[in-house]
N, C-alpha and C. Protein backbone atom coordinates (compact mmCIF):
# COMPACT_ATOMS: atom_id res chain seq x y z
N MET A 1 -195.33 35.63 -13.70
CA MET A 1 -196.73 35.49 -14.12
C MET A 1 -197.47 36.77 -13.75
N SER A 2 -197.84 37.54 -14.73
CA SER A 2 -198.47 38.83 -14.47
C SER A 2 -199.97 38.68 -14.32
N THR A 3 -200.60 39.72 -13.82
CA THR A 3 -202.05 39.68 -13.64
C THR A 3 -202.78 39.65 -14.97
N GLU A 4 -202.09 40.02 -16.08
CA GLU A 4 -202.73 39.99 -17.39
C GLU A 4 -202.71 38.60 -18.02
N THR A 5 -201.93 37.69 -17.46
CA THR A 5 -201.82 36.35 -18.01
C THR A 5 -203.12 35.58 -17.80
N LYS A 6 -203.48 34.75 -18.78
CA LYS A 6 -204.66 33.90 -18.62
C LYS A 6 -204.49 33.01 -17.39
N PRO A 7 -205.59 32.69 -16.70
CA PRO A 7 -205.49 31.74 -15.60
C PRO A 7 -204.84 30.43 -16.06
N VAL A 8 -204.00 29.88 -15.22
CA VAL A 8 -203.29 28.64 -15.52
C VAL A 8 -203.94 27.51 -14.74
N ASN A 9 -204.32 26.46 -15.43
CA ASN A 9 -204.96 25.33 -14.77
C ASN A 9 -203.92 24.35 -14.27
N LEU A 10 -203.94 24.12 -12.97
CA LEU A 10 -202.97 23.22 -12.34
C LEU A 10 -203.66 22.43 -11.24
N ALA A 11 -203.72 21.12 -11.42
CA ALA A 11 -204.23 20.21 -10.38
C ALA A 11 -205.57 20.66 -9.81
N GLY A 12 -206.50 20.95 -10.69
CA GLY A 12 -207.86 21.26 -10.26
C GLY A 12 -208.12 22.69 -9.87
N SER A 13 -207.13 23.57 -10.00
CA SER A 13 -207.31 24.97 -9.65
C SER A 13 -206.87 25.86 -10.82
N ALA A 14 -207.46 27.06 -10.87
CA ALA A 14 -207.10 28.04 -11.88
C ALA A 14 -206.23 29.10 -11.23
N LEU A 15 -204.95 29.09 -11.55
CA LEU A 15 -204.01 30.05 -10.97
C LEU A 15 -204.13 31.40 -11.66
N LYS A 16 -204.22 32.45 -10.84
CA LYS A 16 -204.22 33.80 -11.37
C LYS A 16 -203.06 34.61 -10.80
N HIS A 17 -202.17 33.92 -10.07
CA HIS A 17 -201.06 34.62 -9.42
C HIS A 17 -199.85 33.69 -9.41
N SER A 18 -198.75 34.18 -8.88
CA SER A 18 -197.52 33.39 -8.83
C SER A 18 -197.72 32.12 -8.02
N CYS A 19 -196.92 31.10 -8.33
CA CYS A 19 -197.09 29.82 -7.64
C CYS A 19 -195.74 29.13 -7.46
N HIS A 20 -195.39 28.85 -6.21
CA HIS A 20 -194.28 27.96 -5.88
C HIS A 20 -194.91 26.84 -5.07
N ALA A 21 -195.06 25.68 -5.69
CA ALA A 21 -195.80 24.58 -5.07
C ALA A 21 -194.93 23.35 -4.92
N CYS A 22 -195.14 22.61 -3.82
CA CYS A 22 -194.59 21.27 -3.71
C CYS A 22 -195.70 20.31 -4.09
N ALA A 23 -195.35 19.29 -4.85
CA ALA A 23 -196.33 18.32 -5.33
C ALA A 23 -195.90 16.94 -4.83
N PHE A 24 -196.74 16.34 -4.01
CA PHE A 24 -196.43 15.04 -3.41
C PHE A 24 -197.17 13.93 -4.14
N PHE A 25 -196.42 12.90 -4.54
CA PHE A 25 -197.00 11.77 -5.26
C PHE A 25 -196.49 10.46 -4.68
N HIS A 26 -197.27 9.40 -4.91
CA HIS A 26 -196.86 8.07 -4.48
C HIS A 26 -196.23 7.26 -5.61
N THR A 27 -196.59 7.60 -6.85
CA THR A 27 -196.06 6.87 -8.01
C THR A 27 -195.78 7.84 -9.15
N ARG A 28 -194.95 7.41 -10.09
CA ARG A 28 -194.66 8.22 -11.26
C ARG A 28 -195.92 8.41 -12.10
N GLU A 29 -196.74 7.37 -12.17
CA GLU A 29 -197.97 7.46 -12.97
C GLU A 29 -198.92 8.51 -12.40
N GLU A 30 -199.02 8.57 -11.08
CA GLU A 30 -199.85 9.60 -10.45
C GLU A 30 -199.32 10.99 -10.79
N GLU A 31 -198.01 11.13 -10.77
CA GLU A 31 -197.39 12.42 -11.09
C GLU A 31 -197.77 12.88 -12.49
N TYR A 32 -197.65 11.97 -13.47
CA TYR A 32 -198.01 12.33 -14.84
C TYR A 32 -199.50 12.62 -14.97
N ARG A 33 -200.32 11.83 -14.31
CA ARG A 33 -201.77 12.03 -14.39
C ARG A 33 -202.16 13.43 -13.92
N VAL A 34 -201.53 13.90 -12.88
CA VAL A 34 -201.87 15.21 -12.30
C VAL A 34 -201.23 16.36 -13.08
N LEU A 35 -199.98 16.20 -13.51
CA LEU A 35 -199.25 17.32 -14.09
C LEU A 35 -199.32 17.43 -15.62
N LEU A 36 -199.63 16.32 -16.31
CA LEU A 36 -199.66 16.40 -17.77
C LEU A 36 -200.68 17.41 -18.30
N PRO A 37 -201.88 17.53 -17.71
CA PRO A 37 -202.81 18.55 -18.22
C PRO A 37 -202.23 19.97 -18.12
N PHE A 38 -201.52 20.25 -17.04
CA PHE A 38 -200.85 21.54 -16.86
C PHE A 38 -199.77 21.74 -17.92
N ILE A 39 -198.99 20.69 -18.16
CA ILE A 39 -197.91 20.77 -19.15
C ILE A 39 -198.48 20.94 -20.56
N MET A 40 -199.50 20.14 -20.89
CA MET A 40 -200.06 20.18 -22.24
C MET A 40 -200.78 21.49 -22.52
N GLU A 41 -201.45 22.03 -21.52
CA GLU A 41 -202.09 23.34 -21.70
C GLU A 41 -201.04 24.38 -22.10
N GLY A 42 -199.86 24.26 -21.50
CA GLY A 42 -198.78 25.19 -21.84
C GLY A 42 -198.36 25.09 -23.29
N PHE A 43 -198.21 23.86 -23.79
CA PHE A 43 -197.83 23.70 -25.19
C PHE A 43 -198.91 24.27 -26.11
N GLU A 44 -200.17 24.06 -25.76
CA GLU A 44 -201.27 24.56 -26.58
C GLU A 44 -201.28 26.09 -26.63
N ARG A 45 -200.83 26.73 -25.57
CA ARG A 45 -200.83 28.20 -25.51
C ARG A 45 -199.52 28.83 -25.98
N GLY A 46 -198.56 27.99 -26.32
CA GLY A 46 -197.27 28.53 -26.74
C GLY A 46 -196.35 28.89 -25.59
N ASP A 47 -196.67 28.40 -24.38
CA ASP A 47 -195.82 28.66 -23.22
C ASP A 47 -194.54 27.84 -23.31
N ARG A 48 -193.57 28.25 -22.52
CA ARG A 48 -192.29 27.54 -22.46
C ARG A 48 -192.35 26.48 -21.38
N ALA A 49 -191.78 25.32 -21.64
CA ALA A 49 -191.73 24.23 -20.66
C ALA A 49 -190.28 24.00 -20.25
N PHE A 50 -190.03 24.10 -18.95
CA PHE A 50 -188.69 23.85 -18.41
C PHE A 50 -188.81 22.75 -17.37
N HIS A 51 -188.22 21.58 -17.68
CA HIS A 51 -188.34 20.42 -16.81
C HIS A 51 -186.96 19.94 -16.36
N ILE A 52 -186.87 19.54 -15.09
CA ILE A 52 -185.64 18.94 -14.57
C ILE A 52 -185.98 17.54 -14.09
N VAL A 53 -185.28 16.54 -14.61
CA VAL A 53 -185.61 15.15 -14.33
C VAL A 53 -184.37 14.36 -13.93
N GLN A 54 -184.61 13.18 -13.40
CA GLN A 54 -183.53 12.24 -13.08
C GLN A 54 -182.80 11.89 -14.38
N PRO A 55 -181.47 11.85 -14.37
CA PRO A 55 -180.73 11.59 -15.61
C PRO A 55 -181.20 10.34 -16.36
N GLU A 56 -181.46 9.28 -15.61
CA GLU A 56 -181.85 8.01 -16.24
C GLU A 56 -183.26 8.06 -16.83
N ARG A 57 -184.02 9.09 -16.52
CA ARG A 57 -185.40 9.17 -16.97
C ARG A 57 -185.63 10.22 -18.06
N ARG A 58 -184.60 10.87 -18.50
CA ARG A 58 -184.80 11.93 -19.49
C ARG A 58 -185.43 11.39 -20.77
N ALA A 59 -184.90 10.29 -21.29
CA ALA A 59 -185.43 9.73 -22.53
C ALA A 59 -186.88 9.29 -22.34
N ALA A 60 -187.18 8.66 -21.21
CA ALA A 60 -188.54 8.20 -20.94
C ALA A 60 -189.50 9.39 -20.81
N HIS A 61 -189.02 10.47 -20.22
CA HIS A 61 -189.87 11.67 -20.07
C HIS A 61 -190.20 12.27 -21.44
N LEU A 62 -189.21 12.37 -22.30
CA LEU A 62 -189.45 12.88 -23.64
C LEU A 62 -190.41 11.98 -24.40
N GLU A 63 -190.27 10.67 -24.22
CA GLU A 63 -191.17 9.73 -24.88
C GLU A 63 -192.60 9.91 -24.38
N ARG A 64 -192.76 10.15 -23.08
CA ARG A 64 -194.10 10.37 -22.53
C ARG A 64 -194.74 11.62 -23.14
N LEU A 65 -193.95 12.66 -23.32
CA LEU A 65 -194.47 13.87 -23.96
C LEU A 65 -194.84 13.61 -25.41
N ARG A 66 -194.03 12.81 -26.10
CA ARG A 66 -194.36 12.46 -27.49
C ARG A 66 -195.67 11.69 -27.57
N GLN A 67 -195.89 10.80 -26.61
CA GLN A 67 -197.14 10.04 -26.58
C GLN A 67 -198.36 10.94 -26.41
N GLU A 68 -198.14 12.09 -25.80
CA GLU A 68 -199.23 13.06 -25.61
C GLU A 68 -199.40 13.98 -26.81
N GLY A 69 -198.54 13.80 -27.82
CA GLY A 69 -198.68 14.58 -29.04
C GLY A 69 -197.70 15.72 -29.20
N VAL A 70 -196.72 15.82 -28.32
CA VAL A 70 -195.72 16.89 -28.41
C VAL A 70 -194.61 16.48 -29.39
N ASP A 71 -194.33 17.33 -30.34
CA ASP A 71 -193.18 17.12 -31.22
C ASP A 71 -191.96 17.62 -30.45
N THR A 72 -191.37 16.73 -29.66
CA THR A 72 -190.31 17.15 -28.74
C THR A 72 -189.07 17.66 -29.46
N GLY A 73 -188.78 17.09 -30.62
CA GLY A 73 -187.62 17.56 -31.38
C GLY A 73 -187.79 19.01 -31.81
N ALA A 74 -188.95 19.31 -32.39
CA ALA A 74 -189.22 20.67 -32.84
C ALA A 74 -189.32 21.63 -31.66
N ALA A 75 -189.97 21.19 -30.59
CA ALA A 75 -190.15 22.05 -29.41
C ALA A 75 -188.80 22.40 -28.79
N GLN A 76 -187.89 21.43 -28.75
CA GLN A 76 -186.56 21.71 -28.20
C GLN A 76 -185.77 22.63 -29.13
N ALA A 77 -185.87 22.38 -30.43
CA ALA A 77 -185.14 23.20 -31.40
C ALA A 77 -185.60 24.65 -31.37
N GLN A 78 -186.89 24.85 -31.13
CA GLN A 78 -187.46 26.20 -31.11
C GLN A 78 -187.32 26.88 -29.75
N GLY A 79 -186.84 26.14 -28.76
CA GLY A 79 -186.67 26.72 -27.43
C GLY A 79 -187.92 26.70 -26.57
N GLN A 80 -188.98 26.03 -27.05
CA GLN A 80 -190.20 25.97 -26.24
C GLN A 80 -190.08 24.92 -25.14
N LEU A 81 -189.28 23.90 -25.37
CA LEU A 81 -189.09 22.82 -24.40
C LEU A 81 -187.62 22.67 -24.06
N GLU A 82 -187.34 22.64 -22.77
CA GLU A 82 -185.98 22.37 -22.30
C GLU A 82 -186.08 21.33 -21.18
N VAL A 83 -185.46 20.19 -21.40
CA VAL A 83 -185.46 19.12 -20.40
C VAL A 83 -184.02 18.89 -19.96
N LEU A 84 -183.71 19.31 -18.76
CA LEU A 84 -182.38 19.12 -18.18
C LEU A 84 -182.44 18.04 -17.13
N THR A 85 -181.27 17.58 -16.70
CA THR A 85 -181.20 16.55 -15.67
C THR A 85 -180.59 17.13 -14.40
N TRP A 86 -180.66 16.35 -13.34
CA TRP A 86 -180.03 16.77 -12.07
C TRP A 86 -178.56 17.13 -12.28
N ASP A 87 -177.88 16.33 -13.12
CA ASP A 87 -176.45 16.55 -13.32
C ASP A 87 -176.17 17.86 -14.06
N ASP A 88 -177.17 18.38 -14.78
CA ASP A 88 -177.02 19.66 -15.46
C ASP A 88 -177.31 20.84 -14.54
N THR A 89 -178.01 20.56 -13.44
CA THR A 89 -178.55 21.65 -12.62
C THR A 89 -178.21 21.48 -11.14
N TYR A 90 -179.07 20.79 -10.40
CA TYR A 90 -178.90 20.66 -8.95
C TYR A 90 -177.56 20.07 -8.56
N LEU A 91 -177.13 19.03 -9.28
CA LEU A 91 -175.91 18.31 -8.91
C LEU A 91 -174.78 18.55 -9.90
N LYS A 92 -174.77 19.70 -10.51
CA LYS A 92 -173.70 20.04 -11.44
C LYS A 92 -172.35 19.98 -10.72
N ASP A 93 -171.36 19.41 -11.39
CA ASP A 93 -170.02 19.23 -10.82
C ASP A 93 -170.03 18.31 -9.61
N GLY A 94 -171.08 17.47 -9.49
CA GLY A 94 -171.11 16.45 -8.45
C GLY A 94 -171.53 16.92 -7.08
N ARG A 95 -172.01 18.15 -6.97
CA ARG A 95 -172.40 18.67 -5.66
C ARG A 95 -173.57 19.64 -5.81
N PHE A 96 -174.28 19.86 -4.70
CA PHE A 96 -175.38 20.82 -4.71
C PHE A 96 -174.93 22.14 -4.12
N ASP A 97 -175.07 23.19 -4.91
CA ASP A 97 -174.71 24.54 -4.50
C ASP A 97 -176.00 25.38 -4.53
N GLN A 98 -176.47 25.80 -3.36
CA GLN A 98 -177.73 26.54 -3.28
C GLN A 98 -177.70 27.82 -4.12
N ASP A 99 -176.64 28.60 -3.96
CA ASP A 99 -176.56 29.88 -4.67
C ASP A 99 -176.59 29.68 -6.18
N ARG A 100 -175.85 28.70 -6.64
CA ARG A 100 -175.79 28.44 -8.08
C ARG A 100 -177.16 28.03 -8.61
N MET A 101 -177.86 27.16 -7.85
CA MET A 101 -179.14 26.67 -8.33
C MET A 101 -180.20 27.76 -8.30
N ILE A 102 -180.20 28.58 -7.28
CA ILE A 102 -181.16 29.69 -7.24
C ILE A 102 -180.92 30.63 -8.42
N ALA A 103 -179.66 30.91 -8.72
CA ALA A 103 -179.33 31.77 -9.87
C ALA A 103 -179.80 31.13 -11.17
N THR A 104 -179.63 29.81 -11.29
CA THR A 104 -180.06 29.10 -12.50
C THR A 104 -181.57 29.21 -12.68
N LEU A 105 -182.31 28.99 -11.61
CA LEU A 105 -183.76 29.04 -11.71
C LEU A 105 -184.25 30.46 -11.99
N LEU A 106 -183.66 31.45 -11.37
CA LEU A 106 -184.06 32.83 -11.63
C LEU A 106 -183.79 33.21 -13.08
N GLU A 107 -182.71 32.67 -13.64
CA GLU A 107 -182.42 32.91 -15.05
C GLU A 107 -183.50 32.30 -15.93
N MET A 108 -183.94 31.08 -15.56
CA MET A 108 -184.99 30.42 -16.33
C MET A 108 -186.31 31.19 -16.26
N LEU A 109 -186.54 31.88 -15.15
CA LEU A 109 -187.79 32.61 -14.95
C LEU A 109 -187.73 34.04 -15.48
N ALA A 110 -186.59 34.46 -15.99
CA ALA A 110 -186.45 35.83 -16.47
C ALA A 110 -187.47 36.12 -17.57
N PRO A 111 -188.11 37.30 -17.54
CA PRO A 111 -189.16 37.62 -18.51
C PRO A 111 -188.73 37.46 -19.96
N GLY A 112 -187.49 37.74 -20.27
CA GLY A 112 -187.02 37.65 -21.64
C GLY A 112 -186.94 36.24 -22.19
N LYS A 113 -187.15 35.23 -21.34
CA LYS A 113 -187.06 33.84 -21.77
C LYS A 113 -188.29 33.39 -22.54
N THR A 114 -189.40 34.12 -22.43
CA THR A 114 -190.64 33.72 -23.08
C THR A 114 -191.16 34.84 -23.97
N PRO A 115 -191.87 34.48 -25.06
CA PRO A 115 -192.47 35.51 -25.91
C PRO A 115 -193.54 36.29 -25.14
N PRO A 116 -193.85 37.51 -25.57
CA PRO A 116 -194.89 38.29 -24.90
C PRO A 116 -196.22 37.53 -24.82
N GLY A 117 -196.86 37.62 -23.67
CA GLY A 117 -198.16 36.96 -23.49
C GLY A 117 -198.08 35.50 -23.11
N THR A 118 -196.87 34.98 -22.96
CA THR A 118 -196.71 33.58 -22.56
C THR A 118 -195.92 33.51 -21.26
N ILE A 119 -195.90 32.31 -20.68
CA ILE A 119 -195.18 32.10 -19.42
C ILE A 119 -194.26 30.89 -19.55
N SER A 120 -193.48 30.68 -18.52
CA SER A 120 -192.65 29.48 -18.41
C SER A 120 -193.27 28.57 -17.36
N ARG A 121 -193.51 27.33 -17.71
CA ARG A 121 -194.08 26.35 -16.78
C ARG A 121 -192.94 25.43 -16.34
N ASN A 122 -192.59 25.52 -15.07
CA ASN A 122 -191.38 24.89 -14.56
C ASN A 122 -191.72 23.73 -13.62
N VAL A 123 -191.21 22.55 -13.94
CA VAL A 123 -191.46 21.36 -13.13
C VAL A 123 -190.11 20.70 -12.84
N ALA A 124 -189.82 20.50 -11.56
CA ALA A 124 -188.53 19.93 -11.17
C ALA A 124 -188.73 18.73 -10.26
N ASN A 125 -188.12 17.62 -10.64
CA ASN A 125 -188.13 16.41 -9.82
C ASN A 125 -187.05 16.53 -8.76
N MET A 126 -187.41 16.30 -7.49
CA MET A 126 -186.52 16.64 -6.37
C MET A 126 -185.85 15.44 -5.70
N GLU A 127 -185.91 14.27 -6.30
CA GLU A 127 -185.27 13.12 -5.66
C GLU A 127 -183.74 13.19 -5.69
N TRP A 128 -183.19 14.19 -6.34
CA TRP A 128 -181.73 14.38 -6.30
C TRP A 128 -181.24 14.55 -4.86
N ALA A 129 -182.12 15.05 -3.98
CA ALA A 129 -181.72 15.28 -2.59
C ALA A 129 -181.44 13.98 -1.84
N LEU A 130 -181.83 12.85 -2.42
CA LEU A 130 -181.57 11.55 -1.81
C LEU A 130 -180.20 11.01 -2.19
N GLU A 131 -179.55 11.66 -3.15
CA GLU A 131 -178.24 11.21 -3.60
C GLU A 131 -177.18 11.54 -2.55
N ASP A 132 -176.16 10.70 -2.50
CA ASP A 132 -175.06 10.93 -1.55
C ASP A 132 -174.06 11.89 -2.20
N ARG A 133 -174.44 13.16 -2.24
CA ARG A 133 -173.60 14.19 -2.85
C ARG A 133 -173.43 15.35 -1.86
N PRO A 134 -172.29 16.01 -1.88
CA PRO A 134 -172.09 17.16 -0.98
C PRO A 134 -173.19 18.21 -1.17
N GLY A 135 -173.76 18.65 -0.06
CA GLY A 135 -174.76 19.70 -0.09
C GLY A 135 -176.18 19.25 -0.32
N ALA A 136 -176.39 18.00 -0.75
CA ALA A 136 -177.74 17.55 -1.10
C ALA A 136 -178.70 17.60 0.08
N HIS A 137 -178.15 17.44 1.30
CA HIS A 137 -179.00 17.44 2.49
C HIS A 137 -179.56 18.83 2.81
N GLU A 138 -179.13 19.85 2.09
CA GLU A 138 -179.56 21.22 2.36
C GLU A 138 -180.86 21.57 1.64
N ILE A 139 -181.62 20.59 1.23
CA ILE A 139 -182.80 20.83 0.40
C ILE A 139 -183.83 21.73 1.07
N VAL A 140 -184.07 21.55 2.37
CA VAL A 140 -185.08 22.36 3.05
C VAL A 140 -184.65 23.83 3.09
N GLU A 141 -183.38 24.04 3.41
CA GLU A 141 -182.85 25.41 3.42
C GLU A 141 -182.95 26.04 2.04
N TYR A 142 -182.64 25.25 1.01
CA TYR A 142 -182.73 25.75 -0.36
C TYR A 142 -184.16 26.19 -0.69
N GLU A 143 -185.13 25.36 -0.35
CA GLU A 143 -186.52 25.70 -0.67
C GLU A 143 -186.95 26.98 0.04
N ALA A 144 -186.52 27.15 1.29
CA ALA A 144 -186.85 28.38 2.02
C ALA A 144 -186.17 29.59 1.38
N ARG A 145 -184.91 29.43 1.02
CA ARG A 145 -184.19 30.54 0.39
C ARG A 145 -184.77 30.89 -0.98
N LEU A 146 -185.26 29.88 -1.68
CA LEU A 146 -185.87 30.13 -2.99
C LEU A 146 -187.09 31.03 -2.84
N ASN A 147 -187.88 30.82 -1.80
CA ASN A 147 -189.04 31.69 -1.56
C ASN A 147 -188.61 33.15 -1.42
N ARG A 148 -187.50 33.36 -0.74
CA ARG A 148 -187.01 34.72 -0.54
C ARG A 148 -186.47 35.31 -1.84
N ALA A 149 -185.93 34.47 -2.70
CA ALA A 149 -185.29 34.95 -3.93
C ALA A 149 -186.27 35.19 -5.07
N LEU A 150 -187.38 34.45 -5.08
CA LEU A 150 -188.33 34.58 -6.18
C LEU A 150 -188.95 35.98 -6.19
N PRO A 151 -189.09 36.57 -7.38
CA PRO A 151 -189.75 37.87 -7.45
C PRO A 151 -191.22 37.75 -7.07
N GLU A 152 -191.83 38.88 -6.73
CA GLU A 152 -193.23 38.86 -6.29
C GLU A 152 -194.13 38.26 -7.36
N GLN A 153 -193.87 38.60 -8.61
CA GLN A 153 -194.62 38.03 -9.73
C GLN A 153 -193.69 37.08 -10.49
N HIS A 154 -193.98 35.81 -10.45
CA HIS A 154 -193.15 34.84 -11.17
C HIS A 154 -194.02 33.73 -11.74
N ASP A 155 -193.48 33.04 -12.72
CA ASP A 155 -194.21 31.95 -13.36
C ASP A 155 -194.24 30.72 -12.45
N PRO A 156 -195.15 29.77 -12.73
CA PRO A 156 -195.31 28.61 -11.84
C PRO A 156 -194.05 27.77 -11.72
N VAL A 157 -193.71 27.43 -10.48
CA VAL A 157 -192.60 26.53 -10.17
C VAL A 157 -193.18 25.38 -9.35
N VAL A 158 -193.10 24.17 -9.89
CA VAL A 158 -193.65 22.99 -9.21
C VAL A 158 -192.51 22.03 -8.89
N CYS A 159 -192.31 21.76 -7.60
CA CYS A 159 -191.26 20.84 -7.14
C CYS A 159 -191.93 19.52 -6.77
N THR A 160 -191.56 18.44 -7.44
CA THR A 160 -192.24 17.16 -7.22
C THR A 160 -191.43 16.26 -6.28
N TYR A 161 -192.16 15.59 -5.39
CA TYR A 161 -191.55 14.72 -4.37
C TYR A 161 -192.27 13.38 -4.33
N ASP A 162 -191.48 12.31 -4.27
CA ASP A 162 -192.01 10.96 -4.10
C ASP A 162 -192.15 10.69 -2.60
N LEU A 163 -193.39 10.60 -2.13
CA LEU A 163 -193.63 10.43 -0.69
C LEU A 163 -193.02 9.16 -0.13
N SER A 164 -192.85 8.15 -0.98
CA SER A 164 -192.36 6.87 -0.50
C SER A 164 -190.86 6.89 -0.21
N GLN A 165 -190.16 7.93 -0.67
CA GLN A 165 -188.70 7.93 -0.56
C GLN A 165 -188.13 8.88 0.49
N PHE A 166 -188.91 9.89 0.88
CA PHE A 166 -188.38 10.90 1.81
C PHE A 166 -188.79 10.63 3.25
N ASP A 167 -187.89 10.97 4.18
CA ASP A 167 -188.20 10.86 5.60
C ASP A 167 -189.38 11.76 5.93
N ALA A 168 -190.22 11.28 6.86
CA ALA A 168 -191.45 12.01 7.20
C ALA A 168 -191.16 13.43 7.70
N SER A 169 -190.09 13.60 8.47
CA SER A 169 -189.78 14.93 9.00
C SER A 169 -189.39 15.89 7.88
N VAL A 170 -188.72 15.37 6.85
CA VAL A 170 -188.35 16.21 5.71
C VAL A 170 -189.60 16.58 4.91
N VAL A 171 -190.50 15.63 4.74
CA VAL A 171 -191.75 15.92 4.04
C VAL A 171 -192.49 17.07 4.71
N ILE A 172 -192.55 17.04 6.03
CA ILE A 172 -193.22 18.11 6.78
C ILE A 172 -192.53 19.45 6.54
N ASP A 173 -191.20 19.46 6.60
CA ASP A 173 -190.47 20.71 6.38
C ASP A 173 -190.60 21.20 4.95
N ILE A 174 -190.58 20.28 3.99
CA ILE A 174 -190.78 20.67 2.60
C ILE A 174 -192.15 21.33 2.44
N MET A 175 -193.14 20.75 3.07
CA MET A 175 -194.48 21.32 3.03
C MET A 175 -194.47 22.75 3.59
N ARG A 176 -193.72 22.95 4.65
CA ARG A 176 -193.70 24.26 5.31
C ARG A 176 -192.96 25.33 4.50
N THR A 177 -192.20 24.91 3.49
CA THR A 177 -191.44 25.88 2.69
C THR A 177 -192.13 26.24 1.38
N HIS A 178 -193.35 25.77 1.16
CA HIS A 178 -194.05 26.07 -0.09
C HIS A 178 -195.39 26.75 0.18
N PRO A 179 -195.63 27.90 -0.43
CA PRO A 179 -196.91 28.60 -0.24
C PRO A 179 -198.12 27.81 -0.73
N MET A 180 -197.88 26.92 -1.71
CA MET A 180 -198.97 26.11 -2.24
C MET A 180 -198.52 24.66 -2.28
N ILE A 181 -199.52 23.77 -2.26
CA ILE A 181 -199.22 22.34 -2.16
C ILE A 181 -200.17 21.55 -3.04
N ILE A 182 -199.64 20.51 -3.68
CA ILE A 182 -200.47 19.55 -4.41
C ILE A 182 -200.39 18.23 -3.66
N ILE A 183 -201.49 17.79 -3.14
CA ILE A 183 -201.56 16.51 -2.45
C ILE A 183 -202.91 15.88 -2.75
N GLY A 184 -202.90 14.59 -3.01
CA GLY A 184 -204.13 13.94 -3.46
C GLY A 184 -204.57 14.44 -4.81
N GLY A 185 -203.62 14.98 -5.59
CA GLY A 185 -203.93 15.46 -6.93
C GLY A 185 -204.60 16.82 -6.99
N ILE A 186 -204.70 17.52 -5.85
CA ILE A 186 -205.39 18.80 -5.78
C ILE A 186 -204.44 19.90 -5.30
N LEU A 187 -204.44 21.03 -6.01
CA LEU A 187 -203.65 22.19 -5.61
C LEU A 187 -204.44 23.04 -4.63
N GLN A 188 -203.78 23.45 -3.54
CA GLN A 188 -204.46 24.30 -2.57
C GLN A 188 -203.46 25.22 -1.88
N GLU A 189 -203.98 26.30 -1.33
CA GLU A 189 -203.17 27.17 -0.48
C GLU A 189 -202.69 26.35 0.71
N ASN A 190 -201.45 26.54 1.09
CA ASN A 190 -200.85 25.71 2.14
C ASN A 190 -200.99 26.39 3.51
N PRO A 191 -201.84 25.87 4.40
CA PRO A 191 -202.01 26.50 5.71
C PRO A 191 -200.80 26.33 6.63
N PHE A 192 -199.87 25.45 6.25
CA PHE A 192 -198.70 25.18 7.08
C PHE A 192 -197.46 25.97 6.62
N PHE A 193 -197.63 26.80 5.60
CA PHE A 193 -196.49 27.55 5.06
C PHE A 193 -195.89 28.48 6.11
N VAL A 194 -194.55 28.47 6.16
CA VAL A 194 -193.80 29.34 7.07
C VAL A 194 -192.98 30.32 6.23
N PRO A 195 -193.11 31.63 6.45
CA PRO A 195 -192.33 32.60 5.67
C PRO A 195 -190.83 32.30 5.72
N ALA A 196 -190.13 32.69 4.66
CA ALA A 196 -188.73 32.31 4.48
C ALA A 196 -187.85 32.70 5.67
N GLU A 197 -187.94 33.94 6.13
CA GLU A 197 -187.05 34.38 7.21
C GLU A 197 -187.26 33.57 8.48
N GLN A 198 -188.51 33.29 8.80
CA GLN A 198 -188.81 32.50 10.00
C GLN A 198 -188.27 31.08 9.86
N MET A 199 -188.45 30.49 8.67
CA MET A 199 -187.99 29.13 8.44
C MET A 199 -186.46 29.06 8.49
N LEU A 200 -185.80 30.03 7.91
CA LEU A 200 -184.34 30.03 7.90
C LEU A 200 -183.77 30.21 9.31
N GLN A 201 -184.43 31.00 10.14
CA GLN A 201 -184.00 31.14 11.53
C GLN A 201 -184.11 29.80 12.26
N GLU A 202 -185.18 29.08 11.98
CA GLU A 202 -185.37 27.76 12.60
C GLU A 202 -184.27 26.80 12.16
N ILE A 203 -183.93 26.84 10.88
CA ILE A 203 -182.89 25.96 10.35
C ILE A 203 -181.54 26.29 10.99
N GLU A 204 -181.24 27.57 11.14
CA GLU A 204 -179.98 27.97 11.77
C GLU A 204 -179.92 27.51 13.22
N ALA A 205 -181.05 27.56 13.92
CA ALA A 205 -181.09 27.08 15.30
C ALA A 205 -180.82 25.58 15.37
N ARG A 206 -181.33 24.84 14.42
CA ARG A 206 -181.07 23.40 14.37
C ARG A 206 -179.58 23.14 14.15
N LYS A 207 -179.00 23.90 13.22
CA LYS A 207 -177.56 23.72 12.95
C LYS A 207 -176.74 24.00 14.20
N ALA A 208 -177.09 25.07 14.90
CA ALA A 208 -176.36 25.44 16.12
C ALA A 208 -176.46 24.37 17.19
N ALA A 209 -177.60 23.66 17.19
CA ALA A 209 -177.82 22.61 18.18
C ALA A 209 -177.25 21.27 17.72
N GLY A 210 -176.69 21.24 16.50
CA GLY A 210 -176.11 20.01 15.98
C GLY A 210 -177.12 18.97 15.55
N ARG A 211 -178.33 19.42 15.24
CA ARG A 211 -179.37 18.48 14.83
C ARG A 211 -179.26 18.21 13.34
N VAL A 212 -179.03 16.95 12.99
CA VAL A 212 -178.91 16.54 11.60
C VAL A 212 -180.19 15.83 11.19
N GLN A 213 -180.83 16.32 10.16
CA GLN A 213 -182.11 15.76 9.72
C GLN A 213 -181.89 14.77 8.59
N PRO A 214 -182.34 13.51 8.73
CA PRO A 214 -182.22 12.57 7.62
C PRO A 214 -183.14 12.98 6.49
N VAL A 215 -182.71 12.73 5.26
CA VAL A 215 -183.53 13.09 4.10
C VAL A 215 -184.30 11.89 3.59
N ALA A 216 -183.60 10.76 3.43
CA ALA A 216 -184.25 9.56 2.91
C ALA A 216 -185.08 8.89 3.98
N GLY A 217 -186.22 8.32 3.56
CA GLY A 217 -187.05 7.56 4.47
C GLY A 217 -186.43 6.21 4.76
N SER A 218 -186.82 5.63 5.87
CA SER A 218 -186.26 4.33 6.24
C SER A 218 -187.07 3.20 5.63
């Protein structure tokens, strides 16, 4: 996202710079209420939409976009809309590989993926980390590493989390790995953000001490 790009409206704020945000919601309906204006603004401007959803919800997600007036068939055929699932991305081959996923996301954010003057609006549902799959518990480390890997100027990346499903300690750490946060439907600068190198050092210290952090809430 360059400085020449029009401000992007997201959860009550006008973005004029790069954004890697965690978005916390209590219900799916709240998630759509907050994020659909951001998504629809993108379609109106000719921006690219890249969404990652739960496999069982892909059809329902496309239907929700159709209800908002998006011709999802045409948008997908033209490359403006791409809706992948966890199994296509985070959990490809049945496991989570941090390096592979970071490479996938950086490819999606590559400038050549969008026409001149447009951006890619990226929304990823993160409940895949609750699955019993190899590597899935590394979600906090992944989010910290993603901050280090993202270029200084990049298009919006919004990671969505269901507050009712994640352990409280993980929610706190997820918050600490995102420069911006959406909570209560409002986007704001995150005062609890910890730079990537500092966060990764903390994670390594936990590993050395044998501390295993639960991901799912009780």
